């Protein structure tokens, strides 16, 4: 039986980046349980949609989340991405 979760991989990746804006995508992939290539595609989606900005700093990337953007699904689009991050922020 396939295991399911309440959040998408996009949300998991966003939460990992929110916890550490300089995190390596290899580490995000390991935490989320997906491939590094899948993580790269998700980050590209988030950048394209405006939820993230990616800046090259030396040999690493630094990410900035744009928390004021609305969530995408009609059920929760009255809430902002930052609301999700604040609700689920890891301590």
Protein backbone atom coordinates (compact mmCIF):
# COMPACT_ATOMS: atom_id res chain seq x y z
CA UNK A 1 0.00 0.00 0.00
CA UNK A 2 1.33 3.44 -0.94
CA UNK A 3 1.93 5.86 1.90
CA UNK A 4 0.31 9.27 1.56
CA UNK A 5 0.83 12.59 3.31
CA UNK A 6 -1.21 15.74 3.77
CA UNK A 7 1.30 17.99 1.98
CA UNK A 8 2.73 17.86 -1.53
CA UNK A 9 6.42 17.56 -2.30
CA UNK A 10 6.28 21.21 -3.39
CA UNK A 11 5.21 22.18 0.14
CA UNK A 12 7.88 19.97 1.70
CA UNK A 13 10.60 21.55 -0.45
CA UNK A 14 9.34 25.05 0.37
CA UNK A 15 9.40 24.24 4.09
CA UNK A 16 12.96 22.90 3.89
CA UNK A 17 14.11 26.06 2.14
CA UNK A 18 12.24 28.22 4.66
CA UNK A 19 14.16 26.49 7.44
CA UNK A 20 17.54 27.09 5.74
CA UNK A 21 17.77 29.52 2.82
CA UNK A 22 21.21 28.19 1.87
CA UNK A 23 20.33 24.50 1.99
CA UNK A 24 21.76 22.20 -0.69
CA UNK A 25 19.14 20.60 -2.91
CA UNK A 26 20.80 17.24 -2.27
CA UNK A 27 19.94 17.66 1.41
CA UNK A 28 16.39 18.77 0.61
CA UNK A 29 15.91 15.71 -1.59
CA UNK A 30 17.08 13.42 1.20
CA UNK A 31 14.76 15.05 3.77
CA UNK A 32 11.73 15.00 1.47
CA UNK A 33 12.44 11.48 0.19
CA UNK A 34 12.64 12.31 -3.52
CA UNK A 35 15.43 12.44 -6.06
CA UNK A 36 17.69 15.44 -6.40
CA UNK A 37 16.42 15.90 -9.97
CA UNK A 38 12.80 15.99 -8.73
CA UNK A 39 13.85 18.57 -6.15
CA UNK A 40 15.47 20.68 -8.88
CA UNK A 41 12.24 20.56 -10.92
CA UNK A 42 10.17 21.59 -7.89
CA UNK A 43 12.50 24.50 -7.13
CA UNK A 44 12.27 25.54 -10.80
CA UNK A 45 8.45 25.45 -10.50
CA UNK A 46 8.55 27.57 -7.34
CA UNK A 47 10.95 30.08 -8.94
CA UNK A 48 8.87 30.28 -12.12
CA UNK A 49 5.67 30.84 -10.10
CA UNK A 50 7.37 33.59 -8.06
CA UNK A 51 7.38 31.82 -4.69
CA UNK A 52 11.20 31.73 -4.60
CA UNK A 53 14.10 33.79 -5.85
CA UNK A 54 17.36 31.94 -6.40
CA UNK A 55 20.65 33.87 -6.15
CA UNK A 56 24.08 32.44 -6.80
CA UNK A 57 26.50 33.13 -3.93
CA UNK A 58 29.92 31.76 -4.77
CA UNK A 59 29.42 28.08 -5.59
CA UNK A 60 26.11 27.78 -3.74
CA UNK A 61 22.56 29.04 -4.21
CA UNK A 62 20.74 31.21 -1.72
CA UNK A 63 16.93 31.20 -1.76
CA UNK A 64 14.45 33.86 -0.74
CA UNK A 65 10.81 32.98 -0.17
CA UNK A 66 8.09 35.44 -1.19
CA UNK A 67 5.59 34.70 1.58
CA UNK A 68 2.90 37.15 0.45
CA UNK A 69 1.89 35.08 -2.59
CA UNK A 70 -1.39 33.16 -2.30
CA UNK A 71 -1.50 29.40 -2.11
CA UNK A 72 -2.51 27.88 -5.45
CA UNK A 73 -5.40 25.54 -4.72
CA UNK A 74 -8.89 27.14 -4.71
CA UNK A 75 -9.61 25.73 -1.24
CA UNK A 76 -6.73 27.65 0.35
CA UNK A 77 -6.02 30.49 -2.09
CA UNK A 78 -7.28 33.04 0.43
CA UNK A 79 -4.15 32.20 2.48
CA UNK A 80 -0.55 33.17 1.73
CA UNK A 81 2.47 30.89 1.36
CA UNK A 82 3.90 32.53 4.47
CA UNK A 83 0.88 31.34 6.46
CA UNK A 84 1.76 27.75 5.57
CA UNK A 85 5.40 28.24 6.47
CA UNK A 86 4.55 29.85 9.81
CA UNK A 87 2.04 27.13 10.63
CA UNK A 88 4.43 24.29 9.91
CA UNK A 89 7.78 25.86 10.78
CA UNK A 90 10.03 23.34 12.42
CA UNK A 91 11.48 24.40 15.75
